Amino acid sequence: MKVLIPSSLRSYTRLMRVQASGTTLGELLADLERQFPGIRFRMVDEQDRIRPHMRVFVGGRAIHDLAQPLQPADDVNIVQALSGG
């Protein structure tokens, strides 16, 4: 499936869109890690939860659970929330 990579993580991929596979969001992130070592840690914390500043959208819906099932035709958009003051 196609995965949109935010600019903050493109130092890992060098691309805006990449191909990855998995039947769940967790498997998809594991495949991204296999292809681009180090990228998963920037998105998932030590408790295996998506980091608070990261957002994952599948079909326009926000996904928060790594066990969320995915379909091969899904487009996955990873977004990094901006903060500051």
C-alpha atoms as a PDB file:
ATOM      1  CA  MET A   1       0.000   0.000   0.000  1.00  0.00           C
ATOM      2  CA  LYS A   2       1.042   3.624  -0.444  1.00  0.00           C
ATOM      3  CA  VAL A   3       2.286   5.475   2.621  1.00  0.00           C
ATOM      4  CA  LEU A   4       2.666   9.258   2.762  1.00  0.00           C
ATOM      5  CA  ILE A   5       5.730  10.178   4.823  1.00  0.00           C
ATOM      6  CA  PRO A   6       5.850  13.552   6.625  1.00  0.00           C
ATOM      7  CA  SER A   7       8.812  15.807   5.880  1.00  0.00           C
ATOM      8  CA  SER A   8      10.172  15.254   9.406  1.00  0.00           C
ATOM      9  CA  LEU A   9      10.713  11.541   8.629  1.00  0.00           C
ATOM     10  CA  ARG A  10      11.982  11.846   5.073  1.00  0.00           C
ATOM     11  CA  SER A  11      15.573  11.731   6.285  1.00  0.00           C
ATOM     12  CA  TYR A  12      14.860   7.989   6.650  1.00  0.00           C
ATOM     13  CA  THR A  13      13.060   7.399   3.360  1.00  0.00           C
ATOM     14  CA  ARG A  14      14.303  10.218   1.075  1.00  0.00           C
ATOM     15  CA  LEU A  15      10.822   9.952  -0.507  1.00  0.00           C
ATOM     16  CA  MET A  16       7.429  11.545   0.087  1.00  0.00           C
ATOM     17  CA  ARG A  17       5.565   8.297  -0.700  1.00  0.00           C
ATOM     18  CA  VAL A  18       6.750   4.751  -0.145  1.00  0.00           C
ATOM     19  CA  GLN A  19       5.276   1.268  -0.549  1.00  0.00           C
ATOM     20  CA  ALA A  20       4.807  -0.932   2.509  1.00  0.00           C
ATOM     21  CA  SER A  21       2.675  -3.906   3.449  1.00  0.00           C
ATOM     22  CA  GLY A  22       0.956  -5.391   6.463  1.00  0.00           C
ATOM     23  CA  THR A  23      -2.425  -6.648   7.544  1.00  0.00           C
ATOM     24  CA  THR A  24      -2.440  -4.294  10.566  1.00  0.00           C
ATOM     25  CA  LEU A  25      -1.004  -0.869  11.263  1.00  0.00           C
ATOM     26  CA  GLY A  26       1.601  -2.500  13.507  1.00  0.00           C
ATOM     27  CA  GLU A  27       2.720  -4.807  10.685  1.00  0.00           C
ATOM     28  CA  LEU A  28       2.852  -1.878   8.283  1.00  0.00           C
ATOM     29  CA  LEU A  29       5.102   0.053  10.671  1.00  0.00           C
ATOM     30  CA  ALA A  30       7.281  -3.050  11.104  1.00  0.00           C
ATOM     31  CA  ASP A  31       7.660  -3.231   7.318  1.00  0.00           C
ATOM     32  CA  LEU A  32       8.607   0.450   7.221  1.00  0.00           C
ATOM     33  CA  GLU A  33      11.201  -0.261   9.931  1.00  0.00           C
ATOM     34  CA  ARG A  34      12.590  -3.155   7.899  1.00  0.00           C
ATOM     35  CA  GLN A  35      12.978  -0.892   4.871  1.00  0.00           C
ATOM     36  CA  PHE A  36      14.022   2.265   6.730  1.00  0.00           C
ATOM     37  CA  PRO A  37      15.749   1.364  10.021  1.00  0.00           C
ATOM     38  CA  GLY A  38      14.987   3.757  12.869  1.00  0.00           C
ATOM     39  CA  ILE A  39      11.744   5.190  11.482  1.00  0.00           C
ATOM     40  CA  ARG A  40       9.376   3.202  13.729  1.00  0.00           C
ATOM     41  CA  PHE A  41      10.897   4.551  16.958  1.00  0.00           C
ATOM     42  CA  ARG A  42      10.108   8.068  15.797  1.00  0.00           C
ATOM     43  CA  MET A  43       6.420   7.083  15.492  1.00  0.00           C
ATOM     44  CA  VAL A  44       5.879   4.510  18.279  1.00  0.00           C
ATOM     45  CA  ASP A  45       6.941   4.810  21.929  1.00  0.00           C
ATOM     46  CA  GLU A  46       8.381   2.214  24.310  1.00  0.00           C
ATOM     47  CA  GLN A  47       4.865   1.152  25.382  1.00  0.00           C
ATOM     48  CA  ASP A  48       4.014   0.305  21.748  1.00  0.00           C
ATOM     49  CA  ARG A  49       1.685   3.301  21.343  1.00  0.00           C
ATOM     50  CA  ILE A  50       1.684   5.875  18.599  1.00  0.00           C
ATOM     51  CA  ARG A  51       3.526   8.926  19.905  1.00  0.00           C
ATOM     52  CA  PRO A  52       1.287  11.877  20.865  1.00  0.00           C
ATOM     53  CA  HIS A  53       2.708  14.145  18.149  1.00  0.00           C
ATOM     54  CA  MET A  54       2.144  11.596  15.373  1.00  0.00           C
ATOM     55  CA  ARG A  55      -1.118  11.019  13.544  1.00  0.00           C
ATOM     56  CA  VAL A  56      -1.931   8.153  11.188  1.00  0.00           C
ATOM     57  CA  PHE A  57      -4.870   8.392   8.793  1.00  0.00           C
ATOM     58  CA  VAL A  58      -6.276   5.519   6.756  1.00  0.00           C
ATOM     59  CA  GLY A  59      -8.989   6.418   4.283  1.00  0.00           C
ATOM     60  CA  GLY A  60      -9.319   9.820   5.940  1.00  0.00           C
ATOM     61  CA  ARG A  61      -9.923   8.296   9.396  1.00  0.00           C
ATOM     62  CA  ALA A  62      -7.522   8.825  12.294  1.00  0.00           C
ATOM     63  CA  ILE A  63      -6.126   5.501  13.534  1.00  0.00           C
ATOM     64  CA  HIS A  64      -4.649   5.150  17.036  1.00  0.00           C
ATOM     65  CA  ASP A  65      -4.434   1.369  17.471  1.00  0.00           C
ATOM     66  CA  LEU A  66      -1.538  -0.666  16.094  1.00  0.00           C
ATOM     67  CA  ALA A  67      -3.915  -3.656  15.843  1.00  0.00           C
ATOM     68  CA  GLN A  68      -6.139  -1.764  13.366  1.00  0.00           C
ATOM     69  CA  PRO A  69      -6.676  -4.005  10.308  1.00  0.00           C
ATOM     70  CA  LEU A  70      -5.558  -2.650   6.937  1.00  0.00           C
ATOM     71  CA  GLN A  71      -6.535  -3.565   3.401  1.00  0.00           C
ATOM     72  CA  PRO A  72      -3.995  -3.807   0.525  1.00  0.00           C
ATOM     73  CA  ALA A  73      -5.698  -0.917  -1.317  1.00  0.00           C
ATOM     74  CA  ASP A  74      -5.573   1.451   1.694  1.00  0.00           C
ATOM     75  CA  ASP A  75      -3.662   4.710   1.479  1.00  0.00           C
ATOM     76  CA  VAL A  76      -1.917   5.530   4.739  1.00  0.00           C
ATOM     77  CA  ASN A  77      -1.004   9.112   5.610  1.00  0.00           C
ATOM     78  CA  ILE A  78       1.420   9.741   8.450  1.00  0.00           C
ATOM     79  CA  VAL A  79       1.326  13.281   9.787  1.00  0.00           C
ATOM     80  CA  GLN A  80       3.406  14.938  12.461  1.00  0.00           C
ATOM     81  CA  ALA A  81       1.464  17.399  14.579  1.00  0.00           C
ATOM     82  CA  LEU A  82       3.078  20.809  15.019  1.00  0.00           C
ATOM     83  CA  SER A  83       3.341  22.404  18.405  1.00  0.00           C
ATOM     84  CA  GLY A  84       5.104  25.216  20.091  1.00  0.00           C
ATOM     85  CA  GLY A  85       4.453  28.648  21.329  1.00  0.00           C
END
